[in-house]
Amino acid sequence: MRYVAIENVTEGTYLAKPIYNAQGSILLSEHFRLTNVYLEKLKELGFLGLYIEDEISRDIIIEEVVCEKLRIDTVARLETIVENTGNFEDLAPYLSGIVDNIIENKDVLLHINRLNNYHNYTYIHCVNVGV
């Protein structure tokens, strides 16, 4: 599996991961064979890239930093809060779950530390964006 900019995805390519809408519903499932019609619609919906299956990345598995269900639920809840001018404090349990996922994934902490050692400005920028 690999992530590819949607402009570089061709008809006949298979999805490696499902595609969800903002409410968390599946639009297209894993292993779905894409057509030009679907690719154009995904571009219209604002998708910038897709996880695809191909020979180049056949044996590559990309580990999720945040579990997919939590990510989808968080985005859906955020959409609801923004649309209804709700209370952002309702996001607290979701954000806590994200932090727990990150802390539990020792590889992420290693990569963050490597980034800090490699390029401090980028590290600080990432922290600021995350906060």
Foldseek 3Di string as FASTA:
>chain_A
DDKDFLVPDAFQWFAQAFDADLQGDTPGGGRDGHHPVVSVVVVVVPDGIGHTDDPVCPPDDDDDLADPVLVSNLSNVVVVCVVVVHDPVVSVVSVVSSVVSNVVPVVNVVVLVVCCVPPVVVSVVVVVVVD
